[in-house]
Amino acid sequence: MLLPARAEVTRQLRRYRAWERATLAAPTDSAVRTGFEDSGYTLCVLMGKRCAREAVEAAERYLRTTPAVYLLDETCRPRPSRIPRRGSPPGRRSRAGL
């Protein structure tokens, strides 16, 4: 797994935090909101996460630890379980099918 440069992670995390503060100061400003969302998306792509909160947590964890510890933590971290499908379990038939 390739890891991003620490300097780039630091830069993008600072950028995200700056836009976050600006969004909290002016929540109705669409330009500020767009900048905040763009910075969150960039951090998601950089850290390989699906949402900005996960990306921020991953970036902070990456900057706190060594790359080897971060990779070990990422591979050992439990994944969220899949959402169960609705309907009858596989292999079972409904009464109408008998």
PDB file of N, CA and C in Angstrom:
ATOM      1  N   MET A   1       0.840  -1.171   0.000  1.00  0.00           N
ATOM      2  CA  MET A   1       0.000   0.000   0.000  1.00  0.00           C
ATOM      3  C   MET A   1       0.892   1.243   0.000  1.00  0.00           C
ATOM      4  N   LEU A   2       0.590   2.151  -0.886  1.00  0.00           N
ATOM      5  CA  LEU A   2       1.333   3.409  -0.931  1.00  0.00           C
ATOM      6  C   LEU A   2       0.773   4.386   0.088  1.00  0.00           C
ATOM      7  N   LEU A   3       1.658   5.100   0.720  1.00  0.00           N
ATOM      8  CA  LEU A   3       1.242   6.113   1.686  1.00  0.00           C
ATOM      9  C   LEU A   3       1.589   7.493   1.154  1.00  0.00           C
ATOM     10  N   PRO A   4       0.751   8.482   1.443  1.00  0.00           N
ATOM     11  CA  PRO A   4       1.049   9.843   0.978  1.00  0.00           C
ATOM     12  C   PRO A   4       2.212  10.444   1.762  1.00  0.00           C
ATOM     13  N   ALA A   5       2.804  11.464   1.194  1.00  0.00           N
ATOM     14  CA  ALA A   5       3.891  12.174   1.878  1.00  0.00           C
ATOM     15  C   ALA A   5       3.334  12.872   3.119  1.00  0.00           C
ATOM     16  N   ARG A   6       4.074  12.785   4.195  1.00  0.00           N
ATOM     17  CA  ARG A   6       3.610  13.382   5.454  1.00  0.00           C
ATOM     18  C   ARG A   6       3.389  14.892   5.316  1.00  0.00           C
ATOM     19  N   ALA A   7       4.254  15.544   4.544  1.00  0.00           N
ATOM     20  CA  ALA A   7       4.106  16.995   4.361  1.00  0.00           C
ATOM     21  C   ALA A   7       2.792  17.320   3.655  1.00  0.00           C
ATOM     22  N   GLU A   8       2.414  16.495   2.684  1.00  0.00           N
ATOM     23  CA  GLU A   8       1.163  16.717   1.960  1.00  0.00           C
ATOM     24  C   GLU A   8      -0.040  16.454   2.861  1.00  0.00           C
ATOM     25  N   VAL A   9       0.027  15.432   3.681  1.00  0.00           N
ATOM     26  CA  VAL A   9      -1.065  15.152   4.625  1.00  0.00           C
ATOM     27  C   VAL A   9      -1.211  16.312   5.595  1.00  0.00           C
ATOM     28  N   THR A  10      -0.103  16.812   6.095  1.00  0.00           N
ATOM     29  CA  THR A  10      -0.129  17.959   7.013  1.00  0.00           C
ATOM     30  C   THR A  10      -0.750  19.173   6.337  1.00  0.00           C
ATOM     31  N   ARG A  11      -0.344  19.439   5.107  1.00  0.00           N
ATOM     32  CA  ARG A  11      -0.860  20.592   4.370  1.00  0.00           C
ATOM     33  C   ARG A  11      -2.364  20.473   4.133  1.00  0.00           C
ATOM     34  N   GLN A  12      -2.815  19.307   3.708  1.00  0.00           N
ATOM     35  CA  GLN A  12      -4.237  19.119   3.426  1.00  0.00           C
ATOM     36  C   GLN A  12      -5.082  19.129   4.700  1.00  0.00           C
ATOM     37  N   LEU A  13      -4.532  18.603   5.786  1.00  0.00           N
ATOM     38  CA  LEU A  13      -5.255  18.633   7.058  1.00  0.00           C
ATOM     39  C   LEU A  13      -5.400  20.067   7.562  1.00  0.00           C
ATOM     40  N   ARG A  14      -4.350  20.868   7.431  1.00  0.00           N
ATOM     41  CA  ARG A  14      -4.435  22.289   7.809  1.00  0.00           C
ATOM     42  C   ARG A  14      -5.451  23.025   6.949  1.00  0.00           C
ATOM     43  N   ARG A  15      -5.432  22.731   5.657  1.00  0.00           N
ATOM     44  CA  ARG A  15      -6.384  23.350   4.730  1.00  0.00           C
ATOM     45  C   ARG A  15      -7.822  22.976   5.118  1.00  0.00           C
ATOM     46  N   TYR A  16      -8.044  21.695   5.427  1.00  0.00           N
ATOM     47  CA  TYR A  16      -9.383  21.239   5.838  1.00  0.00           C
ATOM     48  C   TYR A  16      -9.824  21.958   7.105  1.00  0.00           C
ATOM     49  N   ARG A  17      -8.941  22.057   8.095  1.00  0.00           N
ATOM     50  CA  ARG A  17      -9.282  22.728   9.364  1.00  0.00           C
ATOM     51  C   ARG A  17      -9.579  24.214   9.149  1.00  0.00           C
ATOM     52  N   ALA A  18      -8.840  24.863   8.261  1.00  0.00           N
ATOM     53  CA  ALA A  18      -9.091  26.287   7.980  1.00  0.00           C
ATOM     54  C   ALA A  18     -10.470  26.467   7.348  1.00  0.00           C
ATOM     55  N   TRP A  19     -10.816  25.603   6.374  1.00  0.00           N
ATOM     56  CA  TRP A  19     -12.142  25.696   5.760  1.00  0.00           C
ATOM     57  C   TRP A  19     -13.240  25.327   6.758  1.00  0.00           C
ATOM     58  N   GLU A  20     -12.945  24.425   7.663  1.00  0.00           N
ATOM     59  CA  GLU A  20     -13.916  24.054   8.691  1.00  0.00           C
ATOM     60  C   GLU A  20     -14.231  25.256   9.584  1.00  0.00           C
ATOM     61  N   ARG A  21     -13.192  25.967   9.997  1.00  0.00           N
ATOM     62  CA  ARG A  21     -13.400  27.168  10.821  1.00  0.00           C
ATOM     63  C   ARG A  21     -14.178  28.233  10.053  1.00  0.00           C
ATOM     64  N   ALA A  22     -13.850  28.406   8.769  1.00  0.00           N
ATOM     65  CA  ALA A  22     -14.553  29.397   7.951  1.00  0.00           C
ATOM     66  C   ALA A  22     -16.020  29.017   7.772  1.00  0.00           C
ATOM     67  N   THR A  23     -16.299  27.735   7.635  1.00  0.00           N
ATOM     68  CA  THR A  23     -17.678  27.270   7.496  1.00  0.00           C
ATOM     69  C   THR A  23     -18.456  27.489   8.780  1.00  0.00           C
ATOM     70  N   LEU A  24     -17.827  27.266   9.898  1.00  0.00           N
ATOM     71  CA  LEU A  24     -18.507  27.518  11.174  1.00  0.00           C
ATOM     72  C   LEU A  24     -18.776  29.005  11.378  1.00  0.00           C
ATOM     73  N   ALA A  25     -17.889  29.850  10.867  1.00  0.00           N
ATOM     74  CA  ALA A  25     -18.066  31.302  10.998  1.00  0.00           C
ATOM     75  C   ALA A  25     -19.125  31.832  10.041  1.00  0.00           C
ATOM     76  N   ALA A  26     -19.236  31.235   8.857  1.00  0.00           N
ATOM     77  CA  ALA A  26     -20.204  31.707   7.849  1.00  0.00           C
ATOM     78  C   ALA A  26     -20.905  30.505   7.209  1.00  0.00           C
ATOM     79  N   PRO A  27     -21.831  29.870   7.933  1.00  0.00           N
ATOM     80  CA  PRO A  27     -22.452  28.642   7.434  1.00  0.00           C
ATOM     81  C   PRO A  27     -23.331  28.817   6.190  1.00  0.00           C
ATOM     82  N   THR A  28     -23.767  30.019   5.904  1.00  0.00           N
ATOM     83  CA  THR A  28     -24.643  30.224   4.744  1.00  0.00           C
ATOM     84  C   THR A  28     -23.887  30.643   3.487  1.00  0.00           C
ATOM     85  N   ASP A  29     -22.603  30.868   3.586  1.00  0.00           N
ATOM     86  CA  ASP A  29     -21.801  31.282   2.440  1.00  0.00           C
ATOM     87  C   ASP A  29     -21.500  30.065   1.558  1.00  0.00           C
ATOM     88  N   SER A  30     -22.045  30.067   0.346  1.00  0.00           N
ATOM     89  CA  SER A  30     -21.902  28.896  -0.527  1.00  0.00           C
ATOM     90  C   SER A  30     -20.458  28.706  -1.009  1.00  0.00           C
ATOM     91  N   ALA A  31     -19.717  29.772  -1.197  1.00  0.00           N
ATOM     92  CA  ALA A  31     -18.317  29.654  -1.631  1.00  0.00           C
ATOM     93  C   ALA A  31     -17.476  28.999  -0.539  1.00  0.00           C
ATOM     94  N   VAL A  32     -17.722  29.376   0.696  1.00  0.00           N
ATOM     95  CA  VAL A  32     -16.999  28.789   1.827  1.00  0.00           C
ATOM     96  C   VAL A  32     -17.376  27.316   1.951  1.00  0.00           C
ATOM     97  N   ARG A  33     -18.660  27.031   1.800  1.00  0.00           N
ATOM     98  CA  ARG A  33     -19.134  25.647   1.893  1.00  0.00           C
ATOM     99  C   ARG A  33     -18.490  24.779   0.806  1.00  0.00           C
ATOM    100  N   THR A  34     -18.384  25.311  -0.395  1.00  0.00           N
ATOM    101  CA  THR A  34     -17.765  24.577  -1.500  1.00  0.00           C
ATOM    102  C   THR A  34     -16.288  24.301  -1.211  1.00  0.00           C
ATOM    103  N   GLY A  35     -15.586  25.294  -0.690  1.00  0.00           N
ATOM    104  CA  GLY A  35     -14.177  25.103  -0.328  1.00  0.00           C
ATOM    105  C   GLY A  35     -14.006  24.035   0.739  1.00  0.00           C
ATOM    106  N   PHE A  36     -14.907  24.043   1.713  1.00  0.00           N
ATOM    107  CA  PHE A  36     -14.872  23.048   2.791  1.00  0.00           C
ATOM    108  C   PHE A  36     -15.104  21.643   2.232  1.00  0.00           C
ATOM    109  N   GLU A  37     -16.100  21.498   1.378  1.00  0.00           N
ATOM    110  CA  GLU A  37     -16.396  20.192   0.796  1.00  0.00           C
ATOM    111  C   GLU A  37     -15.263  19.714  -0.107  1.00  0.00           C
ATOM    112  N   ASP A  38     -14.669  20.631  -0.872  1.00  0.00           N
ATOM    113  CA  ASP A  38     -13.539  20.271  -1.728  1.00  0.00           C
ATOM    114  C   ASP A  38     -12.337  19.804  -0.915  1.00  0.00           C
ATOM    115  N   SER A  39     -12.068  20.500   0.177  1.00  0.00           N
ATOM    116  CA  SER A  39     -10.930  20.104   1.006  1.00  0.00           C
ATOM    117  C   SER A  39     -11.192  18.750   1.672  1.00  0.00           C
ATOM    118  N   GLY A  40     -12.436  18.495   2.054  1.00  0.00           N
ATOM    119  CA  GLY A  40     -12.787  17.189   2.618  1.00  0.00           C
ATOM    120  C   GLY A  40     -12.626  16.073   1.601  1.00  0.00           C
ATOM    121  N   TYR A  41     -13.057  16.345   0.368  1.00  0.00           N
ATOM    122  CA  TYR A  41     -12.916  15.351  -0.701  1.00  0.00           C
ATOM    123  C   TYR A  41     -11.443  15.047  -0.974  1.00  0.00           C
ATOM    124  N   THR A  42     -10.622  16.085  -1.026  1.00  0.00           N
ATOM    125  CA  THR A  42      -9.184  15.894  -1.263  1.00  0.00           C
ATOM    126  C   THR A  42      -8.568  15.036  -0.170  1.00  0.00           C
ATOM    127  N   LEU A  43      -8.949  15.283   1.070  1.00  0.00           N
ATOM    128  CA  LEU A  43      -8.433  14.497   2.184  1.00  0.00           C
ATOM    129  C   LEU A  43      -8.909  13.045   2.098  1.00  0.00           C
ATOM    130  N   CYS A  44     -10.151  12.841   1.663  1.00  0.00           N
ATOM    131  CA  CYS A  44     -10.672  11.479   1.481  1.00  0.00           C
ATOM    132  C   CYS A  44      -9.851  10.712   0.448  1.00  0.00           C
ATOM    133  N   VAL A  45      -9.579  11.355  -0.675  1.00  0.00           N
ATOM    134  CA  VAL A  45      -8.802  10.708  -1.733  1.00  0.00           C
ATOM    135  C   VAL A  45      -7.383  10.428  -1.249  1.00  0.00           C
ATOM    136  N   LEU A  46      -6.794  11.378  -0.574  1.00  0.00           N
ATOM    137  CA  LEU A  46      -5.428  11.246  -0.088  1.00  0.00           C
ATOM    138  C   LEU A  46      -5.281  10.091   0.909  1.00  0.00           C
ATOM    139  N   MET A  47      -6.274   9.950   1.795  1.00  0.00           N
ATOM    140  CA  MET A  47      -6.189   8.939   2.843  1.00  0.00           C
ATOM    141  C   MET A  47      -6.920   7.644   2.500  1.00  0.00           C
ATOM    142  N   GLY A  48      -7.627   7.622   1.376  1.00  0.00           N
ATOM    143  CA  GLY A  48      -8.331   6.409   0.961  1.00  0.00           C
ATOM    144  C   GLY A  48      -9.537   6.092   1.819  1.00  0.00           C
ATOM    145  N   LYS A  49     -10.268   7.102   2.224  1.00  0.00           N
ATOM    146  CA  LYS A  49     -11.454   6.917   3.065  1.00  0.00           C
ATOM    147  C   LYS A  49     -12.690   7.409   2.342  1.00  0.00           C
ATOM    148  N   ARG A  50     -13.857   6.997   2.827  1.00  0.00           N
ATOM    149  CA  ARG A  50     -15.103   7.341   2.148  1.00  0.00           C
ATOM    150  C   ARG A  50     -15.770   8.610   2.660  1.00  0.00           C
ATOM    151  N   CYS A  51     -15.468   9.013   3.869  1.00  0.00           N
ATOM    152  CA  CYS A  51     -16.072  10.252   4.373  1.00  0.00           C
ATOM    153  C   CYS A  51     -14.983  11.116   5.016  1.00  0.00           C
ATOM    154  N   ALA A  52     -15.275  12.405   5.096  1.00  0.00           N
ATOM    155  CA  ALA A  52     -14.281  13.364   5.569  1.00  0.00           C
ATOM    156  C   ALA A  52     -13.880  13.099   7.020  1.00  0.00           C
ATOM    157  N   ARG A  53     -14.816  12.746   7.858  1.00  0.00           N
ATOM    158  CA  ARG A  53     -14.480  12.485   9.272  1.00  0.00           C
ATOM    159  C   ARG A  53     -13.495  11.332   9.388  1.00  0.00           C
ATOM    160  N   GLU A  54     -13.741  10.249   8.646  1.00  0.00           N
ATOM    161  CA  GLU A  54     -12.805   9.121   8.661  1.00  0.00           C
ATOM    162  C   GLU A  54     -11.433   9.546   8.122  1.00  0.00           C
ATOM    163  N   ALA A  55     -11.433  10.374   7.088  1.00  0.00           N
ATOM    164  CA  ALA A  55     -10.180  10.838   6.486  1.00  0.00           C
ATOM    165  C   ALA A  55      -9.400  11.703   7.474  1.00  0.00           C
ATOM    166  N   VAL A  56     -10.087  12.567   8.200  1.00  0.00           N
ATOM    167  CA  VAL A  56      -9.425  13.417   9.192  1.00  0.00           C
ATOM    168  C   VAL A  56      -8.820  12.552  10.294  1.00  0.00           C
ATOM    169  N   GLU A  57      -9.595  11.589  10.789  1.00  0.00           N
ATOM    170  CA  GLU A  57      -9.076  10.702  11.831  1.00  0.00           C
ATOM    171  C   GLU A  57      -7.873   9.915  11.338  1.00  0.00           C
ATOM    172  N   ALA A  58      -7.953   9.416  10.112  1.00  0.00           N
ATOM    173  CA  ALA A  58      -6.836   8.655   9.538  1.00  0.00           C
ATOM    174  C   ALA A  58      -5.604   9.542   9.362  1.00  0.00           C
ATOM    175  N   ALA A  59      -5.807  10.780   8.906  1.00  0.00           N
ATOM    176  CA  ALA A  59      -4.680  11.701   8.720  1.00  0.00           C
ATOM    177  C   ALA A  59      -4.022  12.023  10.053  1.00  0.00           C
ATOM    178  N   GLU A  60      -4.813  12.273  11.071  1.00  0.00           N
ATOM    179  CA  GLU A  60      -4.245  12.572  12.395  1.00  0.00           C
ATOM    180  C   GLU A  60      -3.494  11.369  12.954  1.00  0.00           C
ATOM    181  N   ARG A  61      -4.064  10.173  12.769  1.00  0.00           N
ATOM    182  CA  ARG A  61      -3.407   8.949  13.232  1.00  0.00           C
ATOM    183  C   ARG A  61      -2.103   8.724  12.466  1.00  0.00           C
ATOM    184  N   TYR A  62      -2.118   8.981  11.161  1.00  0.00           N
ATOM    185  CA  TYR A  62      -0.927   8.819  10.319  1.00  0.00           C
ATOM    186  C   TYR A  62       0.188   9.764  10.757  1.00  0.00           C
ATOM    187  N   LEU A  63      -0.171  10.999  11.093  1.00  0.00           N
ATOM    188  CA  LEU A  63       0.840  11.980  11.502  1.00  0.00           C
ATOM    189  C   LEU A  63       1.370  11.719  12.914  1.00  0.00           C
ATOM    190  N   ARG A  64       0.576  11.043  13.752  1.00  0.00           N
ATOM    191  CA  ARG A  64       1.000  10.731  15.120  1.00  0.00           C
ATOM    192  C   ARG A  64       1.955   9.547  15.191  1.00  0.00           C
ATOM    193  N   THR A  65       1.846   8.629  14.221  1.00  0.00           N
ATOM    194  CA  THR A  65       2.598   7.384  14.296  1.00  0.00           C
ATOM    195  C   THR A  65       3.610   7.275  13.159  1.00  0.00           C
ATOM    196  N   THR A  66       4.329   6.174  13.163  1.00  0.00           N
ATOM    197  CA  THR A  66       5.234   5.887  12.049  1.00  0.00           C
ATOM    198  C   THR A  66       4.423   5.220  10.938  1.00  0.00           C
ATOM    199  N   PRO A  67       4.910   5.264   9.714  1.00  0.00           N
ATOM    200  CA  PRO A  67       4.173   4.610   8.619  1.00  0.00           C
ATOM    201  C   PRO A  67       3.915   3.120   8.866  1.00  0.00           C
ATOM    202  N   ALA A  68       4.871   2.414   9.460  1.00  0.00           N
ATOM    203  CA  ALA A  68       4.692   0.986   9.720  1.00  0.00           C
ATOM    204  C   ALA A  68       3.569   0.741  10.725  1.00  0.00           C
ATOM    205  N   VAL A  69       3.524   1.532  11.773  1.00  0.00           N
ATOM    206  CA  VAL A  69       2.472   1.396  12.779  1.00  0.00           C
ATOM    207  C   VAL A  69       1.115   1.750  12.179  1.00  0.00           C
ATOM    208  N   TYR A  70       1.077   2.799  11.355  1.00  0.00           N
ATOM    209  CA  TYR A  70      -0.171   3.195  10.700  1.00  0.00           C
ATOM    210  C   TYR A  70      -0.695   2.073   9.801  1.00  0.00           C
ATOM    211  N   LEU A  71       0.187   1.481   8.993  1.00  0.00           N
ATOM    212  CA  LEU A  71      -0.238   0.392   8.112  1.00  0.00           C
ATOM    213  C   LEU A  71      -0.728  -0.808   8.902  1.00  0.00           C
ATOM    214  N   LEU A  72      -0.038  -1.150   9.971  1.00  0.00           N
ATOM    215  CA  LEU A  72      -0.457  -2.260  10.813  1.00  0.00           C
ATOM    216  C   LEU A  72      -1.820  -1.968  11.433  1.00  0.00           C
ATOM    217  N   ASP A  73      -2.009  -0.750  11.890  1.00  0.00           N
ATOM    218  CA  ASP A  73      -3.282  -0.343  12.483  1.00  0.00           C
ATOM    219  C   ASP A  73      -4.401  -0.405  11.454  1.00  0.00           C
ATOM    220  N   GLU A  74      -4.142   0.032  10.234  1.00  0.00           N
ATOM    221  CA  GLU A  74      -5.166   0.030   9.187  1.00  0.00           C
ATOM    222  C   GLU A  74      -5.544  -1.389   8.772  1.00  0.00           C
ATOM    223  N   THR A  75      -4.572  -2.298   8.724  1.00  0.00           N
ATOM    224  CA  THR A  75      -4.882  -3.666   8.305  1.00  0.00           C
ATOM    225  C   THR A  75      -5.549  -4.471   9.407  1.00  0.00           C
ATOM    226  N   CYS A  76      -5.306  -4.116  10.660  1.00  0.00           N
ATOM    227  CA  CYS A  76      -5.906  -4.843  11.780  1.00  0.00           C
ATOM    228  C   CYS A  76      -7.216  -4.235  12.245  1.00  0.00           C
ATOM    229  N   ARG A  77      -7.533  -3.060  11.764  1.00  0.00           N
ATOM    230  CA  ARG A  77      -8.753  -2.376  12.188  1.00  0.00           C
ATOM    231  C   ARG A  77      -9.978  -3.136  11.669  1.00  0.00           C
ATOM    232  N   PRO A  78     -10.950  -3.414  12.556  1.00  0.00           N
ATOM    233  CA  PRO A  78     -12.135  -4.144  12.088  1.00  0.00           C
ATOM    234  C   PRO A  78     -12.941  -3.317  11.095  1.00  0.00           C
ATOM    235  N   ARG A  79     -13.407  -3.973  10.064  1.00  0.00           N
ATOM    236  CA  ARG A  79     -14.234  -3.328   9.051  1.00  0.00           C
ATOM    237  C   ARG A  79     -15.691  -3.380   9.494  1.00  0.00           C
ATOM    238  N   PRO A  80     -16.472  -2.368   9.137  1.00  0.00           N
ATOM    239  CA  PRO A  80     -17.889  -2.435   9.480  1.00  0.00           C
ATOM    240  C   PRO A  80     -18.541  -3.611   8.769  1.00  0.00           C
ATOM    241  N   SER A  81     -19.430  -4.280   9.492  1.00  0.00           N
ATOM    242  CA  SER A  81     -20.086  -5.435   8.887  1.00  0.00           C
ATOM    243  C   SER A  81     -21.060  -4.997   7.801  1.00  0.00           C
ATOM    244  N   ARG A  82     -21.307  -5.890   6.892  1.00  0.00           N
ATOM    245  CA  ARG A  82     -22.223  -5.587   5.807  1.00  0.00           C
ATOM    246  C   ARG A  82     -23.645  -5.516   6.331  1.00  0.00           C
ATOM    247  N   ILE A  83     -24.438  -4.723   5.687  1.00  0.00           N
ATOM    248  CA  ILE A  83     -25.844  -4.610   6.053  1.00  0.00           C
ATOM    249  C   ILE A  83     -26.548  -5.855   5.543  1.00  0.00           C
ATOM    250  N   PRO A  84     -27.284  -6.544   6.426  1.00  0.00           N
ATOM    251  CA  PRO A  84     -27.945  -7.771   5.985  1.00  0.00           C
ATOM    252  C   PRO A  84     -29.012  -7.480   4.934  1.00  0.00           C
ATOM    253  N   ARG A  85     -29.149  -8.409   4.022  1.00  0.00           N
ATOM    254  CA  ARG A  85     -30.147  -8.272   2.975  1.00  0.00           C
ATOM    255  C   ARG A  85     -31.510  -8.623   3.522  1.00  0.00           C
ATOM    256  N   ARG A  86     -32.496  -7.987   2.962  1.00  0.00           N
ATOM    257  CA  ARG A  86     -33.862  -8.315   3.344  1.00  0.00           C
ATOM    258  C   ARG A  86     -34.324  -9.538   2.576  1.00  0.00           C
ATOM    259  N   GLY A  87     -35.333 -10.169   3.099  1.00  0.00           N
ATOM    260  CA  GLY A  87     -35.881 -11.338   2.425  1.00  0.00           C
ATOM    261  C   GLY A  87     -35.475 -12.604   3.144  1.00  0.00           C
ATOM    262  N   SER A  88     -35.845 -13.716   2.574  1.00  0.00           N
ATOM    263  CA  SER A  88     -35.537 -14.996   3.207  1.00  0.00           C
ATOM    264  C   SER A  88     -34.059 -15.325   3.024  1.00  0.00           C
ATOM    265  N   PRO A  89     -33.505 -16.061   3.981  1.00  0.00           N
ATOM    266  CA  PRO A  89     -32.100 -16.441   3.881  1.00  0.00           C
ATOM    267  C   PRO A  89     -31.875 -17.317   2.643  1.00  0.00           C
ATOM    268  N   PRO A  90     -30.646 -17.317   2.115  1.00  0.00           N
ATOM    269  CA  PRO A  90     -30.367 -18.148   0.949  1.00  0.00           C
ATOM    270  C   PRO A  90     -30.619 -19.617   1.235  1.00  0.00           C
ATOM    271  N   GLY A  91     -31.156 -20.319   0.271  1.00  0.00           N
ATOM    272  CA  GLY A  91     -31.415 -21.745   0.430  1.00  0.00           C
ATOM    273  C   GLY A  91     -32.801 -22.065   0.961  1.00  0.00           C
ATOM    274  N   ARG A  92     -33.518 -21.090   1.430  1.00  0.00           N
ATOM    275  CA  ARG A  92     -34.871 -21.318   1.938  1.00  0.00           C
ATOM    276  C   ARG A  92     -35.875 -20.922   0.875  1.00  0.00           C
ATOM    277  N   ARG A  93     -36.930 -21.637   0.843  1.00  0.00           N
ATOM    278  CA  ARG A  93     -38.012 -21.310  -0.090  1.00  0.00           C
ATOM    279  C   ARG A  93     -39.220 -20.838   0.689  1.00  0.00           C
ATOM    280  N   SER A  94     -39.991 -20.021   0.043  1.00  0.00           N
ATOM    281  CA  SER A  94     -41.231 -19.584   0.678  1.00  0.00           C
ATOM    282  C   SER A  94     -42.262 -20.695   0.559  1.00  0.00           C
ATOM    283  N   ARG A  95     -43.325 -20.614   1.323  1.00  0.00           N
ATOM    284  CA  ARG A  95     -44.376 -21.619   1.267  1.00  0.00           C
ATOM    285  C   ARG A  95     -45.000 -21.683  -0.121  1.00  0.00           C
ATOM    286  N   ALA A  96     -45.030 -20.567  -0.815  1.00  0.00           N
ATOM    287  CA  ALA A  96     -45.625 -20.547  -2.147  1.00  0.00           C
ATOM    288  C   ALA A  96     -44.791 -21.386  -3.122  1.00  0.00           C
ATOM    289  N   GLY A  97     -43.492 -21.521  -2.852  1.00  0.00           N
ATOM    290  CA  GLY A  97     -42.614 -22.272  -3.739  1.00  0.00           C
ATOM    291  C   GLY A  97     -42.664 -23.771  -3.521  1.00  0.00           C
ATOM    292  N   LEU A  98     -43.397 -24.261  -2.515  1.00  0.00           N
ATOM    293  CA  LEU A  98     -43.458 -25.707  -2.233  1.00  0.00           C
ATOM    294  C   LEU A  98     -44.401 -26.441  -3.105  1.00  0.00           C
TER     295      LEU A  98
END
